Amino acid sequence: MLAKQNRGASDATKEQRAIMGRWLKSLREARGLSQRELAEILSLEYYTFISQLEHGRGKIPPARYIEWAAALNQDPKDFVKTLFSYYEPIAYEIMFGEATG
């Protein structure tokens, strides 16, 4: 039974990450940036990291949140709060009493 619960959580996590990826992509596109251009702004060695994030794989390192917010013309507090809602939906709901996403 525990394995089934963990599998369900994993599926939910994957879905949240996929939604987060679409959100990041929409922010990038709103700025009129290609993945390569965003990677250059962020001094990323590989633009494929952005592709991975936009497909729901991986996480932005917390130490880089402010850089990402700036690159995407987002208020850092709002950007991190939204990321948190995708990365940690249960903790987000406990802290903010809001549904995730």
PDB file of N, CA and C in Angstrom:
ATOM      1  N   MET A   1       0.822  -1.190   0.000  1.00  0.00           N
ATOM      2  CA  MET A   1       0.000   0.000   0.000  1.00  0.00           C
ATOM      3  C   MET A   1       0.868   1.257   0.000  1.00  0.00           C
ATOM      4  N   LEU A   2       1.943   1.264   0.772  1.00  0.00           N
ATOM      5  CA  LEU A   2       2.826   2.415   0.817  1.00  0.00           C
ATOM      6  C   LEU A   2       3.457   2.666  -0.552  1.00  0.00           C
ATOM      7  N   ALA A   3       3.831   1.590  -1.245  1.00  0.00           N
ATOM      8  CA  ALA A   3       4.402   1.746  -2.582  1.00  0.00           C
ATOM      9  C   ALA A   3       3.401   2.404  -3.521  1.00  0.00           C
ATOM     10  N   LYS A   4       2.132   2.044  -3.396  1.00  0.00           N
ATOM     11  CA  LYS A   4       1.101   2.645  -4.243  1.00  0.00           C
ATOM     12  C   LYS A   4       0.951   4.130  -3.934  1.00  0.00           C
ATOM     13  N   GLN A   5       0.992   4.502  -2.656  1.00  0.00           N
ATOM     14  CA  GLN A   5       0.907   5.910  -2.269  1.00  0.00           C
ATOM     15  C   GLN A   5       2.098   6.689  -2.820  1.00  0.00           C
ATOM     16  N   ASN A   6       3.291   6.121  -2.713  1.00  0.00           N
ATOM     17  CA  ASN A   6       4.492   6.787  -3.219  1.00  0.00           C
ATOM     18  C   ASN A   6       4.430   6.946  -4.729  1.00  0.00           C
ATOM     19  N   ARG A   7       3.905   5.958  -5.430  1.00  0.00           N
ATOM     20  CA  ARG A   7       3.790   6.038  -6.882  1.00  0.00           C
ATOM     21  C   ARG A   7       2.828   7.166  -7.253  1.00  0.00           C
ATOM     22  N   GLY A   8       1.722   7.288  -6.512  1.00  0.00           N
ATOM     23  CA  GLY A   8       0.771   8.364  -6.762  1.00  0.00           C
ATOM     24  C   GLY A   8       1.398   9.725  -6.532  1.00  0.00           C
ATOM     25  N   ALA A   9       2.196   9.840  -5.478  1.00  0.00           N
ATOM     26  CA  ALA A   9       2.881  11.101  -5.206  1.00  0.00           C
ATOM     27  C   ALA A   9       3.860  11.412  -6.325  1.00  0.00           C
ATOM     28  N   SER A  10       4.531  10.389  -6.812  1.00  0.00           N
ATOM     29  CA  SER A  10       5.490  10.583  -7.899  1.00  0.00           C
ATOM     30  C   SER A  10       4.784  11.065  -9.156  1.00  0.00           C
ATOM     31  N   ASP A  11       3.637  10.480  -9.473  1.00  0.00           N
ATOM     32  CA  ASP A  11       2.863  10.904 -10.639  1.00  0.00           C
ATOM     33  C   ASP A  11       2.403  12.351 -10.476  1.00  0.00           C
ATOM     34  N   ALA A  12       1.958  12.693  -9.280  1.00  0.00           N
ATOM     35  CA  ALA A  12       1.517  14.064  -9.018  1.00  0.00           C
ATOM     36  C   ALA A  12       2.691  15.034  -9.145  1.00  0.00           C
ATOM     37  N   THR A  13       3.855  14.619  -8.651  1.00  0.00           N
ATOM     38  CA  THR A  13       5.051  15.449  -8.750  1.00  0.00           C
ATOM     39  C   THR A  13       5.429  15.671 -10.203  1.00  0.00           C
ATOM     40  N   LYS A  14       5.372  14.620 -11.000  1.00  0.00           N
ATOM     41  CA  LYS A  14       5.679  14.748 -12.425  1.00  0.00           C
ATOM     42  C   LYS A  14       4.726  15.709 -13.109  1.00  0.00           C
ATOM     43  N   GLU A  15       3.457  15.631 -12.772  1.00  0.00           N
ATOM     44  CA  GLU A  15       2.473  16.527 -13.378  1.00  0.00           C
ATOM     45  C   GLU A  15       2.732  17.973 -12.963  1.00  0.00           C
ATOM     46  N   GLN A  16       3.040  18.190 -11.676  1.00  0.00           N
ATOM     47  CA  GLN A  16       3.344  19.546 -11.212  1.00  0.00           C
ATOM     48  C   GLN A  16       4.568  20.107 -11.937  1.00  0.00           C
ATOM     49  N   ARG A  17       5.581  19.272 -12.116  1.00  0.00           N
ATOM     50  CA  ARG A  17       6.790  19.720 -12.821  1.00  0.00           C
ATOM     51  C   ARG A  17       6.487  20.039 -14.281  1.00  0.00           C
ATOM     52  N   ALA A  18       5.613  19.263 -14.904  1.00  0.00           N
ATOM     53  CA  ALA A  18       5.245  19.527 -16.299  1.00  0.00           C
ATOM     54  C   ALA A  18       4.517  20.868 -16.408  1.00  0.00           C
ATOM     55  N   ILE A  19       3.634  21.139 -15.461  1.00  0.00           N
ATOM     56  CA  ILE A  19       2.923  22.420 -15.448  1.00  0.00           C
ATOM     57  C   ILE A  19       3.922  23.551 -15.222  1.00  0.00           C
ATOM     58  N   MET A  20       4.847  23.344 -14.288  1.00  0.00           N
ATOM     59  CA  MET A  20       5.876  24.342 -14.019  1.00  0.00           C
ATOM     60  C   MET A  20       6.694  24.608 -15.273  1.00  0.00           C
ATOM     61  N   GLY A  21       7.019  23.560 -16.013  1.00  0.00           N
ATOM     62  CA  GLY A  21       7.789  23.714 -17.245  1.00  0.00           C
ATOM     63  C   GLY A  21       7.056  24.563 -18.269  1.00  0.00           C
ATOM     64  N   ARG A  22       5.767  24.334 -18.397  1.00  0.00           N
ATOM     65  CA  ARG A  22       4.974  25.144 -19.333  1.00  0.00           C
ATOM     66  C   ARG A  22       4.931  26.605 -18.888  1.00  0.00           C
ATOM     67  N   TRP A  23       4.862  26.825 -17.588  1.00  0.00           N
ATOM     68  CA  TRP A  23       4.871  28.181 -17.049  1.00  0.00           C
ATOM     69  C   TRP A  23       6.204  28.870 -17.367  1.00  0.00           C
ATOM     70  N   LEU A  24       7.317  28.180 -17.112  1.00  0.00           N
ATOM     71  CA  LEU A  24       8.628  28.759 -17.422  1.00  0.00           C
ATOM     72  C   LEU A  24       8.750  29.082 -18.915  1.00  0.00           C
ATOM     73  N   LYS A  25       8.281  28.165 -19.736  1.00  0.00           N
ATOM     74  CA  LYS A  25       8.340  28.391 -21.185  1.00  0.00           C
ATOM     75  C   LYS A  25       7.527  29.623 -21.569  1.00  0.00           C
ATOM     76  N   SER A  26       6.353  29.784 -20.967  1.00  0.00           N
ATOM     77  CA  SER A  26       5.520  30.941 -21.291  1.00  0.00           C
ATOM     78  C   SER A  26       6.218  32.236 -20.878  1.00  0.00           C
ATOM     79  N   LEU A  27       6.931  32.224 -19.755  1.00  0.00           N
ATOM     80  CA  LEU A  27       7.670  33.414 -19.329  1.00  0.00           C
ATOM     81  C   LEU A  27       8.800  33.729 -20.309  1.00  0.00           C
ATOM     82  N   ARG A  28       9.509  32.691 -20.732  1.00  0.00           N
ATOM     83  CA  ARG A  28      10.613  32.875 -21.692  1.00  0.00           C
ATOM     84  C   ARG A  28      10.078  33.423 -23.003  1.00  0.00           C
ATOM     85  N   GLU A  29       9.014  32.828 -23.490  1.00  0.00           N
ATOM     86  CA  GLU A  29       8.449  33.265 -24.770  1.00  0.00           C
ATOM     87  C   GLU A  29       7.880  34.686 -24.674  1.00  0.00           C
ATOM     88  N   ALA A  30       7.328  35.041 -23.523  1.00  0.00           N
ATOM     89  CA  ALA A  30       6.812  36.400 -23.344  1.00  0.00           C
ATOM     90  C   ALA A  30       7.938  37.430 -23.448  1.00  0.00           C
ATOM     91  N   ARG A  31       9.137  37.023 -23.082  1.00  0.00           N
ATOM     92  CA  ARG A  31      10.298  37.901 -23.223  1.00  0.00           C
ATOM     93  C   ARG A  31      10.858  37.876 -24.640  1.00  0.00           C
ATOM     94  N   GLY A  32      10.337  36.966 -25.472  1.00  0.00           N
ATOM     95  CA  GLY A  32      10.826  36.859 -26.846  1.00  0.00           C
ATOM     96  C   GLY A  32      12.197  36.213 -26.937  1.00  0.00           C
ATOM     97  N   LEU A  33      12.512  35.355 -25.969  1.00  0.00           N
ATOM     98  CA  LEU A  33      13.830  34.718 -25.921  1.00  0.00           C
ATOM     99  C   LEU A  33      13.777  33.273 -26.384  1.00  0.00           C
ATOM    100  N   SER A  34      14.810  32.870 -27.083  1.00  0.00           N
ATOM    101  CA  SER A  34      14.987  31.447 -27.386  1.00  0.00           C
ATOM    102  C   SER A  34      15.622  30.790 -26.156  1.00  0.00           C
ATOM    103  N   GLN A  35      15.637  29.478 -26.154  1.00  0.00           N
ATOM    104  CA  GLN A  35      16.298  28.776 -25.056  1.00  0.00           C
ATOM    105  C   GLN A  35      17.777  29.139 -25.016  1.00  0.00           C
ATOM    106  N   ARG A  36      18.414  29.239 -26.176  1.00  0.00           N
ATOM    107  CA  ARG A  36      19.840  29.612 -26.232  1.00  0.00           C
ATOM    108  C   ARG A  36      20.072  31.011 -25.670  1.00  0.00           C
ATOM    109  N   GLU A  37      19.195  31.946 -26.027  1.00  0.00           N
ATOM    110  CA  GLU A  37      19.349  33.322 -25.531  1.00  0.00           C
ATOM    111  C   GLU A  37      19.199  33.389 -24.016  1.00  0.00           C
ATOM    112  N   LEU A  38      18.215  32.676 -23.482  1.00  0.00           N
ATOM    113  CA  LEU A  38      18.044  32.652 -22.034  1.00  0.00           C
ATOM    114  C   LEU A  38      19.258  32.010 -21.371  1.00  0.00           C
ATOM    115  N   ALA A  39      19.763  30.950 -21.958  1.00  0.00           N
ATOM    116  CA  ALA A  39      20.950  30.293 -21.415  1.00  0.00           C
ATOM    117  C   ALA A  39      22.140  31.262 -21.390  1.00  0.00           C
ATOM    118  N   GLU A  40      22.285  32.065 -22.426  1.00  0.00           N
ATOM    119  CA  GLU A  40      23.372  33.049 -22.461  1.00  0.00           C
ATOM    120  C   GLU A  40      23.195  34.091 -21.362  1.00  0.00           C
ATOM    121  N   ILE A  41      21.982  34.603 -21.201  1.00  0.00           N
ATOM    122  CA  ILE A  41      21.713  35.590 -20.154  1.00  0.00           C
ATOM    123  C   ILE A  41      22.066  35.021 -18.781  1.00  0.00           C
ATOM    124  N   LEU A  42      21.751  33.740 -18.582  1.00  0.00           N
ATOM    125  CA  LEU A  42      21.980  33.084 -17.289  1.00  0.00           C
ATOM    126  C   LEU A  42      23.371  32.471 -17.159  1.00  0.00           C
ATOM    127  N   SER A  43      24.193  32.626 -18.191  1.00  0.00           N
ATOM    128  CA  SER A  43      25.550  32.051 -18.206  1.00  0.00           C
ATOM    129  C   SER A  43      25.533  30.545 -17.972  1.00  0.00           C
ATOM    130  N   LEU A  44      24.567  29.890 -18.604  1.00  0.00           N
ATOM    131  CA  LEU A  44      24.489  28.429 -18.514  1.00  0.00           C
ATOM    132  C   LEU A  44      25.367  27.823 -19.591  1.00  0.00           C
ATOM    133  N   GLU A  45      26.058  26.781 -19.248  1.00  0.00           N
ATOM    134  CA  GLU A  45      26.941  26.124 -20.212  1.00  0.00           C
ATOM    135  C   GLU A  45      26.137  25.439 -21.315  1.00  0.00           C
ATOM    136  N   TYR A  46      24.980  24.886 -20.940  1.00  0.00           N
ATOM    137  CA  TYR A  46      24.176  24.137 -21.902  1.00  0.00           C
ATOM    138  C   TYR A  46      22.746  24.674 -21.925  1.00  0.00           C
ATOM    139  N   TYR A  47      22.280  25.079 -23.081  1.00  0.00           N
ATOM    140  CA  TYR A  47      20.904  25.555 -23.197  1.00  0.00           C
ATOM    141  C   TYR A  47      19.918  24.415 -23.003  1.00  0.00           C
ATOM    142  N   THR A  48      20.395  23.186 -23.145  1.00  0.00           N
ATOM    143  CA  THR A  48      19.501  22.041 -22.987  1.00  0.00           C
ATOM    144  C   THR A  48      18.944  21.942 -21.563  1.00  0.00           C
ATOM    145  N   PHE A  49      19.606  22.589 -20.600  1.00  0.00           N
ATOM    146  CA  PHE A  49      19.068  22.614 -19.235  1.00  0.00           C
ATOM    147  C   PHE A  49      17.703  23.288 -19.234  1.00  0.00           C
ATOM    148  N   ILE A  50      17.556  24.348 -20.019  1.00  0.00           N
ATOM    149  CA  ILE A  50      16.279  25.049 -20.107  1.00  0.00           C
ATOM    150  C   ILE A  50      15.230  24.139 -20.733  1.00  0.00           C
ATOM    151  N   SER A  51      15.613  23.421 -21.758  1.00  0.00           N
ATOM    152  CA  SER A  51      14.702  22.461 -22.378  1.00  0.00           C
ATOM    153  C   SER A  51      14.241  21.413 -21.362  1.00  0.00           C
ATOM    154  N   GLN A  52      15.171  20.928 -20.566  1.00  0.00           N
ATOM    155  CA  GLN A  52      14.823  19.928 -19.556  1.00  0.00           C
ATOM    156  C   GLN A  52      13.803  20.498 -18.565  1.00  0.00           C
ATOM    157  N   LEU A  53      14.043  21.722 -18.112  1.00  0.00           N
ATOM    158  CA  LEU A  53      13.108  22.348 -17.169  1.00  0.00           C
ATOM    159  C   LEU A  53      11.737  22.531 -17.804  1.00  0.00           C
ATOM    160  N   GLU A  54      11.730  22.965 -19.061  1.00  0.00           N
ATOM    161  CA  GLU A  54      10.459  23.212 -19.741  1.00  0.00           C
ATOM    162  C   GLU A  54       9.694  21.928 -20.026  1.00  0.00           C
ATOM    163  N   HIS A  55      10.372  20.798 -19.943  1.00  0.00           N
ATOM    164  CA  HIS A  55       9.705  19.505 -20.110  1.00  0.00           C
ATOM    165  C   HIS A  55       9.458  18.826 -18.762  1.00  0.00           C
ATOM    166  N   GLY A  56       9.616  19.598 -17.687  1.00  0.00           N
ATOM    167  CA  GLY A  56       9.288  19.079 -16.362  1.00  0.00           C
ATOM    168  C   GLY A  56      10.349  18.230 -15.717  1.00  0.00           C
ATOM    169  N   ARG A  57      11.567  18.316 -16.207  1.00  0.00           N
ATOM    170  CA  ARG A  57      12.660  17.546 -15.620  1.00  0.00           C
ATOM    171  C   ARG A  57      13.669  18.510 -15.004  1.00  0.00           C
ATOM    172  N   GLY A  58      14.044  18.246 -13.777  1.00  0.00           N
ATOM    173  CA  GLY A  58      15.025  19.075 -13.106  1.00  0.00           C
ATOM    174  C   GLY A  58      14.401  20.223 -12.344  1.00  0.00           C
ATOM    175  N   LYS A  59      15.268  20.932 -11.612  1.00  0.00           N
ATOM    176  CA  LYS A  59      14.841  22.065 -10.802  1.00  0.00           C
ATOM    177  C   LYS A  59      15.866  23.183 -10.953  1.00  0.00           C
ATOM    178  N   ILE A  60      15.392  24.388 -10.849  1.00  0.00           N
ATOM    179  CA  ILE A  60      16.299  25.526 -10.823  1.00  0.00           C
ATOM    180  C   ILE A  60      16.998  25.514  -9.469  1.00  0.00           C
ATOM    181  N   PRO A  61      18.320  25.617  -9.450  1.00  0.00           N
ATOM    182  CA  PRO A  61      19.013  25.659  -8.161  1.00  0.00           C
ATOM    183  C   PRO A  61      18.596  26.900  -7.361  1.00  0.00           C
ATOM    184  N   PRO A  62      18.266  26.735  -6.084  1.00  0.00           N
ATOM    185  CA  PRO A  62      17.799  27.865  -5.279  1.00  0.00           C
ATOM    186  C   PRO A  62      18.757  29.069  -5.299  1.00  0.00           C
ATOM    187  N   ALA A  63      20.035  28.829  -5.365  1.00  0.00           N
ATOM    188  CA  ALA A  63      21.003  29.929  -5.387  1.00  0.00           C
ATOM    189  C   ALA A  63      20.867  30.788  -6.642  1.00  0.00           C
ATOM    190  N   ARG A  64      20.148  30.304  -7.644  1.00  0.00           N
ATOM    191  CA  ARG A  64      20.007  31.027  -8.906  1.00  0.00           C
ATOM    192  C   ARG A  64      18.612  31.610  -9.113  1.00  0.00           C
ATOM    193  N   TYR A  65      17.727  31.490  -8.144  1.00  0.00           N
ATOM    194  CA  TYR A  65      16.353  31.969  -8.293  1.00  0.00           C
ATOM    195  C   TYR A  65      16.293  33.442  -8.700  1.00  0.00           C
ATOM    196  N   ILE A  66      17.070  34.285  -8.051  1.00  0.00           N
ATOM    197  CA  ILE A  66      17.006  35.721  -8.334  1.00  0.00           C
ATOM    198  C   ILE A  66      17.479  36.013  -9.755  1.00  0.00           C
ATOM    199  N   GLU A  67      18.519  35.317 -10.209  1.00  0.00           N
ATOM    200  CA  GLU A  67      18.993  35.497 -11.585  1.00  0.00           C
ATOM    201  C   GLU A  67      17.913  35.109 -12.592  1.00  0.00           C
ATOM    202  N   TRP A  68      17.252  33.994 -12.330  1.00  0.00           N
ATOM    203  CA  TRP A  68      16.187  33.544 -13.225  1.00  0.00           C
ATOM    204  C   TRP A  68      15.032  34.544 -13.233  1.00  0.00           C
ATOM    205  N   ALA A  69      14.666  35.029 -12.060  1.00  0.00           N
ATOM    206  CA  ALA A  69      13.578  36.003 -11.983  1.00  0.00           C
ATOM    207  C   ALA A  69      13.928  37.243 -12.806  1.00  0.00           C
ATOM    208  N   ALA A  70      15.137  37.728 -12.673  1.00  0.00           N
ATOM    209  CA  ALA A  70      15.566  38.912 -13.419  1.00  0.00           C
ATOM    210  C   ALA A  70      15.560  38.638 -14.921  1.00  0.00           C
ATOM    211  N   ALA A  71      16.082  37.486 -15.310  1.00  0.00           N
ATOM    212  CA  ALA A  71      16.156  37.140 -16.734  1.00  0.00           C
ATOM    213  C   ALA A  71      14.770  37.044 -17.363  1.00  0.00           C
ATOM    214  N   LEU A  72      13.779  36.664 -16.566  1.00  0.00           N
ATOM    215  CA  LEU A  72      12.421  36.490 -17.079  1.00  0.00           C
ATOM    216  C   LEU A  72      11.505  37.666 -16.727  1.00  0.00           C
ATOM    217  N   ASN A  73      12.112  38.771 -16.253  1.00  0.00           N
ATOM    218  CA  ASN A  73      11.354  39.988 -15.898  1.00  0.00           C
ATOM    219  C   ASN A  73      10.261  39.711 -14.870  1.00  0.00           C
ATOM    220  N   GLN A  74      10.607  38.963 -13.851  1.00  0.00           N
ATOM    221  CA  GLN A  74       9.645  38.618 -12.808  1.00  0.00           C
ATOM    222  C   GLN A  74      10.071  39.213 -11.477  1.00  0.00           C
ATOM    223  N   ASP A  75       9.086  39.562 -10.660  1.00  0.00           N
ATOM    224  CA  ASP A  75       9.380  39.963  -9.296  1.00  0.00           C
ATOM    225  C   ASP A  75       9.944  38.729  -8.583  1.00  0.00           C
ATOM    226  N   PRO A  76      11.126  38.835  -7.951  1.00  0.00           N
ATOM    227  CA  PRO A  76      11.736  37.648  -7.333  1.00  0.00           C
ATOM    228  C   PRO A  76      10.841  36.939  -6.322  1.00  0.00           C
ATOM    229  N   LYS A  77      10.144  37.689  -5.491  1.00  0.00           N
ATOM    230  CA  LYS A  77       9.288  37.064  -4.475  1.00  0.00           C
ATOM    231  C   LYS A  77       8.156  36.266  -5.131  1.00  0.00           C
ATOM    232  N   ASP A  78       7.496  36.858  -6.111  1.00  0.00           N
ATOM    233  CA  ASP A  78       6.419  36.156  -6.805  1.00  0.00           C
ATOM    234  C   ASP A  78       6.940  34.953  -7.587  1.00  0.00           C
ATOM    235  N   PHE A  79       8.101  35.110  -8.215  1.00  0.00           N
ATOM    236  CA  PHE A  79       8.702  34.024  -8.984  1.00  0.00           C
ATOM    237  C   PHE A  79       9.004  32.827  -8.087  1.00  0.00           C
ATOM    238  N   VAL A  80       9.654  33.086  -6.960  1.00  0.00           N
ATOM    239  CA  VAL A  80      10.019  31.998  -6.045  1.00  0.00           C
ATOM    240  C   VAL A  80       8.773  31.376  -5.419  1.00  0.00           C
ATOM    241  N   LYS A  81       7.786  32.188  -5.105  1.00  0.00           N
ATOM    242  CA  LYS A  81       6.551  31.640  -4.532  1.00  0.00           C
ATOM    243  C   LYS A  81       5.883  30.693  -5.529  1.00  0.00           C
ATOM    244  N   THR A  82       5.870  31.073  -6.791  1.00  0.00           N
ATOM    245  CA  THR A  82       5.276  30.207  -7.807  1.00  0.00           C
ATOM    246  C   THR A  82       6.094  28.938  -7.981  1.00  0.00           C
ATOM    247  N   LEU A  83       7.420  29.078  -8.045  1.00  0.00           N
ATOM    248  CA  LEU A  83       8.268  27.879  -8.129  1.00  0.00           C
ATOM    249  C   LEU A  83       7.994  26.939  -6.958  1.00  0.00           C
ATOM    250  N   PHE A  84       7.929  27.517  -5.763  1.00  0.00           N
ATOM    251  CA  PHE A  84       7.685  26.733  -4.561  1.00  0.00           C
ATOM    252  C   PHE A  84       6.364  25.986  -4.654  1.00  0.00           C
ATOM    253  N   SER A  85       5.360  26.617  -5.255  1.00  0.00           N
ATOM    254  CA  SER A  85       4.060  25.950  -5.379  1.00  0.00           C
ATOM    255  C   SER A  85       4.159  24.699  -6.250  1.00  0.00           C
ATOM    256  N   TYR A  86       5.084  24.693  -7.203  1.00  0.00           N
ATOM    257  CA  TYR A  86       5.282  23.528  -8.064  1.00  0.00           C
ATOM    258  C   TYR A  86       6.239  22.514  -7.448  1.00  0.00           C
ATOM    259  N   TYR A  87       7.328  23.009  -6.862  1.00  0.00           N
ATOM    260  CA  TYR A  87       8.350  22.111  -6.313  1.00  0.00           C
ATOM    261  C   TYR A  87       7.923  21.449  -5.010  1.00  0.00           C
ATOM    262  N   GLU A  88       7.186  22.172  -4.177  1.00  0.00           N
ATOM    263  CA  GLU A  88       6.781  21.679  -2.855  1.00  0.00           C
ATOM    264  C   GLU A  88       5.304  22.005  -2.604  1.00  0.00           C
ATOM    265  N   PRO A  89       4.395  21.378  -3.365  1.00  0.00           N
ATOM    266  CA  PRO A  89       2.982  21.767  -3.266  1.00  0.00           C
ATOM    267  C   PRO A  89       2.351  21.555  -1.892  1.00  0.00           C
ATOM    268  N   ILE A  90       2.754  20.537  -1.178  1.00  0.00           N
ATOM    269  CA  ILE A  90       2.162  20.298   0.148  1.00  0.00           C
ATOM    270  C   ILE A  90       2.626  21.369   1.119  1.00  0.00           C
ATOM    271  N   ALA A  91       3.922  21.632   1.147  1.00  0.00           N
ATOM    272  CA  ALA A  91       4.451  22.680   2.023  1.00  0.00           C
ATOM    273  C   ALA A  91       3.870  24.039   1.642  1.00  0.00           C
ATOM    274  N   TYR A  92       3.718  24.286   0.340  1.00  0.00           N
ATOM    275  CA  TYR A  92       3.145  25.542  -0.134  1.00  0.00           C
ATOM    276  C   TYR A  92       1.728  25.721   0.409  1.00  0.00           C
ATOM    277  N   GLU A  93       0.937  24.682   0.320  1.00  0.00           N
ATOM    278  CA  GLU A  93      -0.446  24.771   0.804  1.00  0.00           C
ATOM    279  C   GLU A  93      -0.491  24.983   2.312  1.00  0.00           C
ATOM    280  N   ILE A  94       0.416  24.321   3.035  1.00  0.00           N
ATOM    281  CA  ILE A  94       0.467  24.504   4.491  1.00  0.00           C
ATOM    282  C   ILE A  94       0.829  25.951   4.828  1.00  0.00           C
ATOM    283  N   MET A  95       1.817  26.483   4.132  1.00  0.00           N
ATOM    284  CA  MET A  95       2.301  27.827   4.426  1.00  0.00           C
ATOM    285  C   MET A  95       1.348  28.929   3.980  1.00  0.00           C
ATOM    286  N   PHE A  96       0.759  28.759   2.807  1.00  0.00           N
ATOM    287  CA  PHE A  96      -0.027  29.837   2.225  1.00  0.00           C
ATOM    288  C   PHE A  96      -1.521  29.570   2.176  1.00  0.00           C
ATOM    289  N   GLY A  97      -1.921  28.334   2.492  1.00  0.00           N
ATOM    290  CA  GLY A  97      -3.339  28.007   2.495  1.00  0.00           C
ATOM    291  C   GLY A  97      -3.997  28.147   1.141  1.00  0.00           C
ATOM    292  N   GLU A  98      -3.209  28.003   0.085  1.00  0.00           N
ATOM    293  CA  GLU A  98      -3.714  28.140  -1.280  1.00  0.00           C
ATOM    294  C   GLU A  98      -3.460  26.847  -2.022  1.00  0.00           C
ATOM    295  N   ALA A  99      -4.294  26.592  -3.018  1.00  0.00           N
ATOM    296  CA  ALA A  99      -4.048  25.452  -3.891  1.00  0.00           C
ATOM    297  C   ALA A  99      -2.771  25.715  -4.671  1.00  0.00           C
ATOM    298  N   THR A 100      -2.089  24.658  -5.083  1.00  0.00           N
ATOM    299  CA  THR A 100      -0.834  24.814  -5.813  1.00  0.00           C
ATOM    300  C   THR A 100      -1.068  25.255  -7.234  1.00  0.00           C
ATOM    301  N   GLY A 101       0.023  25.824  -7.809  1.00  0.00           N
ATOM    302  CA  GLY A 101       0.013  26.203  -9.222  1.00  0.00           C
ATOM    303  C   GLY A 101      -0.543  27.487  -9.465  1.00  0.00           C
TER     304      GLY A 101
END
